[in-house]
N, C-alpha and C. Protein backbone atom coordinates (compact mmCIF):
# COMPACT_ATOMS: atom_id res chain seq x y z
N MET A 1 77.06 164.89 155.38
CA MET A 1 77.88 164.77 154.18
C MET A 1 78.13 163.29 153.83
N LYS A 2 78.43 162.47 154.85
CA LYS A 2 78.65 161.05 154.61
C LYS A 2 77.38 160.39 154.08
N PHE A 3 76.24 160.86 154.62
CA PHE A 3 74.97 160.30 154.19
C PHE A 3 74.72 160.60 152.71
N LEU A 4 75.06 161.82 152.26
CA LEU A 4 74.88 162.21 150.86
C LEU A 4 75.78 161.38 149.94
N LYS A 5 77.01 161.14 150.39
CA LYS A 5 77.92 160.31 149.61
C LYS A 5 77.37 158.88 149.48
N PHE A 6 76.82 158.39 150.60
CA PHE A 6 76.25 157.04 150.59
C PHE A 6 75.07 156.97 149.61
N ILE A 7 74.20 157.96 149.64
CA ILE A 7 73.04 158.00 148.74
C ILE A 7 73.51 158.07 147.29
N ALA A 8 74.50 158.93 147.01
CA ALA A 8 75.02 159.08 145.64
C ALA A 8 75.63 157.76 145.16
N PHE A 9 76.41 157.12 146.01
CA PHE A 9 77.03 155.84 145.66
C PHE A 9 75.97 154.79 145.39
N THR A 10 74.94 154.74 146.23
CA THR A 10 73.86 153.77 146.06
C THR A 10 73.12 154.01 144.74
N CYS A 11 72.84 155.27 144.44
CA CYS A 11 72.14 155.60 143.18
C CYS A 11 72.97 155.19 141.97
N ILE A 12 74.25 155.51 141.98
CA ILE A 12 75.12 155.15 140.86
C ILE A 12 75.19 153.63 140.71
N SER A 13 75.29 152.93 141.83
CA SER A 13 75.34 151.46 141.79
C SER A 13 74.06 150.88 141.18
N LEU A 14 72.92 151.42 141.58
CA LEU A 14 71.65 150.94 141.06
C LEU A 14 71.50 151.24 139.56
N ILE A 15 71.95 152.40 139.15
CA ILE A 15 71.89 152.77 137.73
C ILE A 15 72.75 151.83 136.90
N LEU A 16 73.98 151.60 137.36
CA LEU A 16 74.88 150.70 136.63
C LEU A 16 74.33 149.27 136.59
N ALA A 17 73.79 148.82 137.70
CA ALA A 17 73.22 147.47 137.74
C ALA A 17 71.99 147.39 136.84
N GLY A 18 71.20 148.45 136.82
CA GLY A 18 69.98 148.48 136.01
C GLY A 18 70.26 148.48 134.52
N CYS A 19 71.39 149.05 134.10
CA CYS A 19 71.68 149.10 132.66
C CYS A 19 72.44 147.85 132.20
N GLY A 20 72.65 146.91 133.11
CA GLY A 20 73.30 145.67 132.71
C GLY A 20 74.80 145.68 132.83
N PHE A 21 75.39 146.73 133.40
CA PHE A 21 76.83 146.80 133.53
C PHE A 21 77.31 145.74 134.51
N LYS A 22 78.30 144.98 134.10
CA LYS A 22 78.95 144.03 135.00
C LYS A 22 80.34 143.76 134.46
N LEU A 23 81.23 143.41 135.34
CA LEU A 23 82.58 143.06 134.91
C LEU A 23 82.54 141.76 134.13
N GLN A 24 83.42 141.65 133.17
CA GLN A 24 83.45 140.44 132.35
C GLN A 24 83.84 139.26 133.22
N GLN A 25 83.01 138.24 133.18
CA GLN A 25 83.24 137.04 133.97
C GLN A 25 83.86 135.96 133.08
N PRO A 26 84.64 135.06 133.68
CA PRO A 26 85.16 133.93 132.89
C PRO A 26 83.99 133.10 132.35
N VAL A 27 84.21 132.46 131.21
CA VAL A 27 83.18 131.69 130.53
C VAL A 27 83.58 130.22 130.56
N ASN A 28 82.61 129.36 130.85
CA ASN A 28 82.86 127.93 130.71
C ASN A 28 82.33 127.51 129.35
N THR A 29 83.25 127.24 128.44
CA THR A 29 82.86 126.83 127.09
C THR A 29 82.39 125.38 127.11
N PRO A 30 81.51 124.99 126.19
CA PRO A 30 81.06 123.60 126.16
C PRO A 30 82.17 122.64 125.71
N PHE A 31 83.17 123.16 125.05
CA PHE A 31 84.33 122.34 124.68
C PHE A 31 85.43 122.61 125.72
N THR A 32 86.16 121.57 126.07
CA THR A 32 87.16 121.71 127.13
C THR A 32 88.59 121.50 126.63
N THR A 33 88.74 120.95 125.43
CA THR A 33 90.09 120.74 124.89
C THR A 33 90.22 121.46 123.55
N ILE A 34 91.37 122.08 123.36
CA ILE A 34 91.62 122.85 122.14
C ILE A 34 93.05 122.60 121.68
N TYR A 35 93.20 122.47 120.38
CA TYR A 35 94.52 122.35 119.75
C TYR A 35 94.75 123.61 118.93
N THR A 36 96.00 124.05 118.87
CA THR A 36 96.34 125.14 117.97
C THR A 36 97.69 124.88 117.32
N ASN A 37 97.82 125.32 116.09
CA ASN A 37 99.10 125.21 115.39
C ASN A 37 99.96 126.45 115.61
N ILE A 38 99.48 127.38 116.41
CA ILE A 38 100.23 128.59 116.73
C ILE A 38 101.35 128.21 117.70
N ASP A 39 102.55 128.69 117.44
CA ASP A 39 103.71 128.38 118.28
C ASP A 39 103.47 128.88 119.71
N HIS A 40 103.42 127.96 120.65
CA HIS A 40 103.17 128.30 122.05
C HIS A 40 104.29 129.15 122.64
N ASN A 41 105.48 129.07 122.06
CA ASN A 41 106.64 129.79 122.59
C ASN A 41 106.82 131.18 121.98
N SER A 42 106.06 131.50 120.95
CA SER A 42 106.14 132.85 120.38
C SER A 42 105.40 133.82 121.31
N ASP A 43 105.74 135.10 121.23
CA ASP A 43 105.04 136.09 122.05
C ASP A 43 103.54 136.07 121.76
N PHE A 44 103.20 136.04 120.47
CA PHE A 44 101.79 136.03 120.08
C PHE A 44 101.08 134.80 120.63
N GLY A 45 101.66 133.63 120.44
CA GLY A 45 101.05 132.39 120.91
C GLY A 45 100.90 132.35 122.42
N ALA A 46 101.94 132.76 123.14
CA ALA A 46 101.89 132.74 124.60
C ALA A 46 100.81 133.69 125.12
N LYS A 47 100.72 134.88 124.52
CA LYS A 47 99.70 135.85 124.95
C LYS A 47 98.30 135.35 124.64
N LEU A 48 98.11 134.77 123.46
CA LEU A 48 96.79 134.27 123.07
C LEU A 48 96.36 133.12 123.99
N ILE A 49 97.24 132.18 124.24
CA ILE A 49 96.92 131.05 125.11
C ILE A 49 96.60 131.54 126.52
N SER A 50 97.39 132.47 127.01
CA SER A 50 97.15 133.04 128.34
C SER A 50 95.79 133.73 128.40
N GLU A 51 95.46 134.50 127.38
CA GLU A 51 94.18 135.21 127.32
C GLU A 51 93.00 134.23 127.27
N LEU A 52 93.14 133.18 126.47
CA LEU A 52 92.07 132.18 126.39
C LEU A 52 91.89 131.45 127.71
N LYS A 53 92.98 131.08 128.36
CA LYS A 53 92.89 130.39 129.65
C LYS A 53 92.29 131.29 130.73
N ALA A 54 92.61 132.58 130.69
CA ALA A 54 92.07 133.52 131.67
C ALA A 54 90.56 133.71 131.48
N ASN A 55 90.10 133.71 130.24
CA ASN A 55 88.69 133.96 129.95
C ASN A 55 87.85 132.69 129.88
N ALA A 56 88.48 131.55 129.75
CA ALA A 56 87.78 130.26 129.72
C ALA A 56 88.60 129.26 130.53
N PRO A 57 88.49 129.33 131.87
CA PRO A 57 89.36 128.51 132.73
C PRO A 57 89.21 127.01 132.53
N ASN A 58 88.08 126.56 131.97
CA ASN A 58 87.90 125.13 131.76
C ASN A 58 88.61 124.62 130.50
N LEU A 59 89.18 125.53 129.73
CA LEU A 59 89.81 125.18 128.46
C LEU A 59 91.23 124.67 128.69
N ARG A 60 91.53 123.51 128.09
CA ARG A 60 92.85 122.91 128.22
C ARG A 60 93.44 122.72 126.83
N PHE A 61 94.68 123.18 126.64
CA PHE A 61 95.36 123.04 125.35
C PHE A 61 96.03 121.68 125.28
N VAL A 62 95.87 121.02 124.12
CA VAL A 62 96.48 119.71 123.90
C VAL A 62 97.42 119.81 122.70
N ASN A 63 98.39 118.91 122.65
CA ASN A 63 99.41 118.94 121.60
C ASN A 63 99.05 118.16 120.35
N ASN A 64 98.02 117.34 120.43
CA ASN A 64 97.61 116.51 119.30
C ASN A 64 96.19 116.91 118.88
N LYS A 65 96.00 117.26 117.62
CA LYS A 65 94.68 117.73 117.20
C LYS A 65 93.61 116.65 117.29
N ASP A 66 94.02 115.37 117.27
CA ASP A 66 93.04 114.28 117.42
C ASP A 66 92.48 114.20 118.83
N ASP A 67 93.19 114.79 119.80
CA ASP A 67 92.73 114.79 121.20
C ASP A 67 91.87 116.01 121.53
N ALA A 68 91.70 116.90 120.56
CA ALA A 68 91.00 118.16 120.82
C ALA A 68 89.57 118.13 120.30
N GLN A 69 88.70 118.82 121.02
CA GLN A 69 87.32 118.98 120.57
C GLN A 69 87.22 120.08 119.51
N VAL A 70 88.09 121.09 119.61
CA VAL A 70 88.13 122.17 118.62
C VAL A 70 89.59 122.45 118.27
N GLN A 71 89.79 123.03 117.07
CA GLN A 71 91.13 123.37 116.60
C GLN A 71 91.17 124.83 116.17
N LEU A 72 92.03 125.61 116.81
CA LEU A 72 92.25 127.00 116.42
C LEU A 72 93.44 127.00 115.47
N ILE A 73 93.16 127.26 114.19
CA ILE A 73 94.19 127.14 113.16
C ILE A 73 94.57 128.52 112.63
N GLN A 74 95.86 128.83 112.74
CA GLN A 74 96.40 130.05 112.15
C GLN A 74 96.65 129.76 110.68
N LEU A 75 95.99 130.52 109.81
CA LEU A 75 96.16 130.33 108.38
C LEU A 75 97.32 131.17 107.85
N SER A 76 97.50 132.36 108.41
CA SER A 76 98.66 133.20 108.04
C SER A 76 98.82 134.31 109.07
N ASN A 77 100.04 134.82 109.15
CA ASN A 77 100.36 135.95 110.03
C ASN A 77 101.48 136.71 109.32
N THR A 78 101.10 137.79 108.63
CA THR A 78 102.04 138.50 107.77
C THR A 78 102.23 139.94 108.24
N ARG A 79 103.50 140.33 108.38
CA ARG A 79 103.86 141.71 108.69
C ARG A 79 104.47 142.34 107.45
N SER A 80 104.09 143.59 107.18
CA SER A 80 104.71 144.30 106.06
C SER A 80 104.78 145.78 106.40
N LYS A 81 105.65 146.50 105.67
CA LYS A 81 105.73 147.95 105.85
C LYS A 81 105.92 148.60 104.50
N LEU A 82 105.28 149.75 104.35
CA LEU A 82 105.29 150.49 103.11
C LEU A 82 105.78 151.90 103.39
N GLU A 83 106.75 152.36 102.62
CA GLU A 83 107.23 153.73 102.78
C GLU A 83 106.13 154.70 102.36
N THR A 84 105.80 155.65 103.24
CA THR A 84 104.76 156.62 102.90
C THR A 84 105.30 158.04 102.81
N ALA A 85 106.50 158.27 103.36
CA ALA A 85 107.12 159.60 103.26
C ALA A 85 108.63 159.42 103.14
N ILE A 86 109.22 160.17 102.23
CA ILE A 86 110.67 160.09 101.98
C ILE A 86 111.27 161.48 102.15
N ASN A 87 112.44 161.55 102.83
CA ASN A 87 113.09 162.86 103.03
C ASN A 87 113.88 163.28 101.79
N ALA A 88 114.52 164.43 101.87
CA ALA A 88 115.26 164.99 100.72
C ALA A 88 116.43 164.10 100.30
N ASN A 89 116.96 163.30 101.23
CA ASN A 89 118.08 162.41 100.92
C ASN A 89 117.62 161.07 100.33
N GLY A 90 116.32 160.89 100.23
CA GLY A 90 115.79 159.66 99.66
C GLY A 90 115.56 158.56 100.68
N TYR A 91 115.66 158.87 101.97
CA TYR A 91 115.43 157.88 103.02
C TYR A 91 113.99 157.98 103.53
N ALA A 92 113.46 156.84 103.95
CA ALA A 92 112.09 156.82 104.46
C ALA A 92 112.01 157.56 105.78
N GLU A 93 111.00 158.41 105.91
CA GLU A 93 110.72 159.11 107.16
C GLU A 93 109.51 158.52 107.87
N GLU A 94 108.65 157.86 107.10
CA GLU A 94 107.43 157.31 107.68
C GLU A 94 107.06 156.03 106.93
N TYR A 95 106.57 155.07 107.69
CA TYR A 95 106.11 153.81 107.13
C TYR A 95 104.65 153.59 107.53
N LEU A 96 103.95 152.83 106.71
CA LEU A 96 102.65 152.30 107.09
C LEU A 96 102.88 150.83 107.41
N LEU A 97 102.72 150.48 108.69
CA LEU A 97 102.90 149.09 109.12
C LEU A 97 101.59 148.35 108.91
N ASN A 98 101.69 147.13 108.44
CA ASN A 98 100.50 146.34 108.16
C ASN A 98 100.67 144.98 108.81
N LEU A 99 99.64 144.55 109.52
CA LEU A 99 99.62 143.23 110.14
C LEU A 99 98.37 142.52 109.63
N ASP A 100 98.56 141.45 108.90
CA ASP A 100 97.46 140.70 108.27
C ASP A 100 97.43 139.32 108.91
N TYR A 101 96.35 139.03 109.67
CA TYR A 101 96.24 137.77 110.39
C TYR A 101 94.99 137.03 109.93
N ARG A 102 95.13 135.73 109.67
CA ARG A 102 94.00 134.90 109.24
C ARG A 102 93.96 133.64 110.11
N TYR A 103 92.73 133.28 110.50
CA TYR A 103 92.56 132.09 111.35
C TYR A 103 91.18 131.49 111.13
N THR A 104 91.00 130.29 111.66
CA THR A 104 89.70 129.62 111.66
C THR A 104 89.61 128.75 112.91
N LEU A 105 88.39 128.42 113.32
CA LEU A 105 88.17 127.50 114.43
C LEU A 105 87.35 126.33 113.90
N ILE A 106 87.93 125.15 113.99
CA ILE A 106 87.30 123.93 113.47
C ILE A 106 86.74 123.13 114.63
N GLY A 107 85.51 122.65 114.46
CA GLY A 107 84.85 121.87 115.50
C GLY A 107 84.66 120.43 115.07
N PRO A 108 83.69 119.76 115.70
CA PRO A 108 83.41 118.36 115.35
C PRO A 108 83.07 118.21 113.87
N TYR A 109 83.42 117.07 113.32
CA TYR A 109 83.17 116.74 111.91
C TYR A 109 83.83 117.73 110.96
N ASP A 110 84.89 118.37 111.42
CA ASP A 110 85.65 119.36 110.62
C ASP A 110 84.78 120.52 110.12
N VAL A 111 83.77 120.87 110.89
CA VAL A 111 82.91 122.01 110.57
C VAL A 111 83.55 123.27 111.14
N ALA A 112 83.55 124.33 110.35
CA ALA A 112 84.13 125.61 110.79
C ALA A 112 83.18 126.29 111.77
N LEU A 113 83.58 126.35 113.03
CA LEU A 113 82.80 127.09 114.03
C LEU A 113 83.00 128.59 113.82
N ILE A 114 84.20 128.96 113.41
CA ILE A 114 84.50 130.32 112.95
C ILE A 114 85.08 130.13 111.55
N PRO A 115 84.40 130.62 110.53
CA PRO A 115 84.93 130.45 109.17
C PRO A 115 86.26 131.19 109.02
N PRO A 116 87.04 130.88 107.99
CA PRO A 116 88.30 131.61 107.81
C PRO A 116 88.06 133.12 107.90
N THR A 117 88.78 133.73 108.82
CA THR A 117 88.58 135.14 109.16
C THR A 117 89.89 135.89 109.00
N ARG A 118 89.79 137.09 108.48
CA ARG A 118 90.97 137.93 108.25
C ARG A 118 90.84 139.18 109.12
N ILE A 119 91.91 139.48 109.85
CA ILE A 119 91.98 140.70 110.65
C ILE A 119 93.18 141.49 110.15
N ILE A 120 92.95 142.75 109.80
CA ILE A 120 94.04 143.60 109.32
C ILE A 120 94.17 144.80 110.27
N LYS A 121 95.38 145.05 110.70
CA LYS A 121 95.68 146.22 111.52
C LYS A 121 96.75 147.03 110.80
N GLU A 122 96.56 148.35 110.77
CA GLU A 122 97.54 149.24 110.15
C GLU A 122 97.88 150.37 111.11
N GLN A 123 99.12 150.82 111.04
CA GLN A 123 99.56 151.93 111.89
C GLN A 123 100.73 152.64 111.23
N TYR A 124 100.71 153.96 111.32
CA TYR A 124 101.83 154.75 110.79
C TYR A 124 102.96 154.75 111.80
N PHE A 125 104.19 154.78 111.28
CA PHE A 125 105.39 154.71 112.11
C PHE A 125 106.43 155.66 111.54
N SER A 126 106.81 156.68 112.32
CA SER A 126 107.84 157.62 111.84
C SER A 126 109.22 157.02 112.08
N TYR A 127 110.16 157.37 111.19
CA TYR A 127 111.47 156.74 111.21
C TYR A 127 112.55 157.78 110.96
N ASN A 128 113.66 157.65 111.71
CA ASN A 128 114.81 158.55 111.54
C ASN A 128 116.05 157.66 111.45
N GLU A 129 116.74 157.69 110.31
CA GLU A 129 117.89 156.80 110.13
C GLU A 129 119.02 157.07 111.11
N ASN A 130 119.03 158.24 111.76
CA ASN A 130 120.07 158.55 112.76
C ASN A 130 119.84 157.81 114.07
N GLN A 131 118.65 157.29 114.27
CA GLN A 131 118.33 156.55 115.50
C GLN A 131 117.90 155.12 115.15
N GLU A 132 118.61 154.50 114.25
CA GLU A 132 118.19 153.22 113.68
C GLU A 132 118.01 152.11 114.71
N SER A 133 118.96 151.94 115.64
CA SER A 133 118.85 150.84 116.60
C SER A 133 117.65 151.03 117.52
N VAL A 134 117.41 152.26 117.94
CA VAL A 134 116.26 152.54 118.80
C VAL A 134 114.97 152.32 118.01
N LYS A 135 114.94 152.77 116.79
CA LYS A 135 113.74 152.66 115.97
C LYS A 135 113.41 151.21 115.63
N ASN A 136 114.43 150.36 115.43
CA ASN A 136 114.16 148.95 115.16
C ASN A 136 113.49 148.27 116.34
N THR A 137 113.94 148.61 117.56
CA THR A 137 113.31 148.08 118.77
C THR A 137 111.88 148.60 118.87
N GLU A 138 111.72 149.89 118.60
CA GLU A 138 110.39 150.51 118.65
C GLU A 138 109.46 149.91 117.58
N LEU A 139 110.01 149.61 116.42
CA LEU A 139 109.23 149.00 115.35
C LEU A 139 108.70 147.63 115.78
N SER A 140 109.57 146.83 116.38
CA SER A 140 109.17 145.52 116.86
C SER A 140 108.08 145.64 117.94
N GLN A 141 108.26 146.60 118.84
CA GLN A 141 107.27 146.83 119.90
C GLN A 141 105.93 147.29 119.31
N THR A 142 105.98 148.10 118.26
CA THR A 142 104.75 148.57 117.62
C THR A 142 103.98 147.41 117.01
N TYR A 143 104.69 146.50 116.34
CA TYR A 143 104.01 145.32 115.80
C TYR A 143 103.39 144.49 116.93
N ASP A 144 104.12 144.32 118.04
CA ASP A 144 103.58 143.59 119.18
C ASP A 144 102.32 144.26 119.70
N ASP A 145 102.33 145.59 119.78
CA ASP A 145 101.16 146.33 120.24
C ASP A 145 99.98 146.16 119.28
N MET A 146 100.27 146.04 118.00
CA MET A 146 99.21 145.83 117.01
C MET A 146 98.58 144.45 117.15
N GLU A 147 99.31 143.49 117.72
CA GLU A 147 98.79 142.13 117.90
C GLU A 147 97.78 142.05 119.05
N THR A 148 97.88 142.95 120.02
CA THR A 148 97.02 142.89 121.21
C THR A 148 95.53 142.89 120.86
N PRO A 149 95.04 143.83 120.02
CA PRO A 149 93.61 143.77 119.70
C PRO A 149 93.22 142.53 118.88
N ILE A 150 94.17 141.97 118.14
CA ILE A 150 93.89 140.74 117.40
C ILE A 150 93.68 139.60 118.39
N ILE A 151 94.53 139.52 119.40
CA ILE A 151 94.39 138.49 120.44
C ILE A 151 93.05 138.63 121.14
N THR A 152 92.68 139.86 121.48
CA THR A 152 91.41 140.11 122.15
C THR A 152 90.24 139.68 121.27
N GLU A 153 90.28 140.03 120.00
CA GLU A 153 89.19 139.67 119.08
C GLU A 153 89.07 138.17 118.92
N ILE A 154 90.19 137.48 118.76
CA ILE A 154 90.15 136.02 118.62
C ILE A 154 89.57 135.39 119.89
N THR A 155 90.01 135.86 121.04
CA THR A 155 89.52 135.32 122.31
C THR A 155 88.01 135.50 122.42
N LYS A 156 87.53 136.70 122.14
CA LYS A 156 86.08 136.95 122.23
C LYS A 156 85.30 136.06 121.28
N ARG A 157 85.82 135.85 120.08
CA ARG A 157 85.11 135.00 119.11
C ARG A 157 85.10 133.53 119.56
N VAL A 158 86.25 133.04 120.06
CA VAL A 158 86.34 131.63 120.46
C VAL A 158 85.40 131.32 121.62
N ILE A 159 85.28 132.24 122.58
CA ILE A 159 84.43 131.98 123.76
C ILE A 159 83.02 132.54 123.60
N SER A 160 82.67 132.98 122.40
CA SER A 160 81.36 133.60 122.18
C SER A 160 80.22 132.60 122.29
N GLU A 161 79.04 133.14 122.55
CA GLU A 161 77.82 132.34 122.62
C GLU A 161 77.53 131.68 121.27
N GLU A 162 77.81 132.39 120.19
CA GLU A 162 77.58 131.86 118.84
C GLU A 162 78.40 130.59 118.60
N VAL A 163 79.67 130.62 118.96
CA VAL A 163 80.54 129.45 118.78
C VAL A 163 80.08 128.32 119.69
N SER A 164 79.74 128.64 120.93
CA SER A 164 79.26 127.61 121.86
C SER A 164 78.00 126.94 121.32
N SER A 165 77.07 127.72 120.79
CA SER A 165 75.82 127.16 120.24
C SER A 165 76.10 126.25 119.05
N LYS A 166 76.98 126.68 118.15
CA LYS A 166 77.33 125.84 116.99
C LYS A 166 77.96 124.54 117.46
N PHE A 167 78.87 124.64 118.44
CA PHE A 167 79.54 123.44 118.94
C PHE A 167 78.51 122.47 119.54
N LEU A 168 77.60 122.99 120.36
CA LEU A 168 76.60 122.13 121.00
C LEU A 168 75.68 121.48 119.97
N SER A 169 75.31 122.23 118.93
CA SER A 169 74.42 121.65 117.91
C SER A 169 75.12 120.53 117.14
N LEU A 170 76.43 120.63 116.96
CA LEU A 170 77.18 119.57 116.27
C LEU A 170 77.47 118.38 117.19
N SER A 171 77.48 118.63 118.49
CA SER A 171 77.84 117.58 119.45
C SER A 171 76.65 116.74 119.88
N LYS A 172 75.43 117.21 119.61
CA LYS A 172 74.24 116.46 120.02
C LYS A 172 74.13 115.17 119.22
N PRO A 173 73.80 114.07 119.91
CA PRO A 173 73.59 112.82 119.16
C PRO A 173 72.34 112.95 118.30
N LYS A 174 72.40 112.37 117.12
CA LYS A 174 71.26 112.50 116.19
C LYS A 174 70.38 111.30 116.22
């Protein structure tokens, strides 16, 4: 029985290795310093910086954009909500939450390594005016949860091979 388990485990391991499956490894980006105008003390900023440092350990954040090789610039970060269902008393029962985030990554010679990009996340949120204090906390948490995939997407784009190639092509002496 142990031998069969060993054979099964070995076969599964070989299949996964053969199809290219591997855990995501940290990336060493060709740029080592980055500036951002995103507030480092905000939840969004702290999570984004942490995610970038975890995925690109050679990356160091600097406070002056003149000291940075690349600049991650937040163009806008807008939250809104739209009433989508109203009860018999005229109070909202459901909202459509909207998170609209825009950013760009600027490299050497002020060239956009990532052109101005817009990410929109939407989510429905039910609301009961009898539980207002609980719902306000839940609303804030829902917006925070909507930011997580935005942070992941920005991180993947910043450390992508495409961005690294653009940076290297701009950094080569002519």
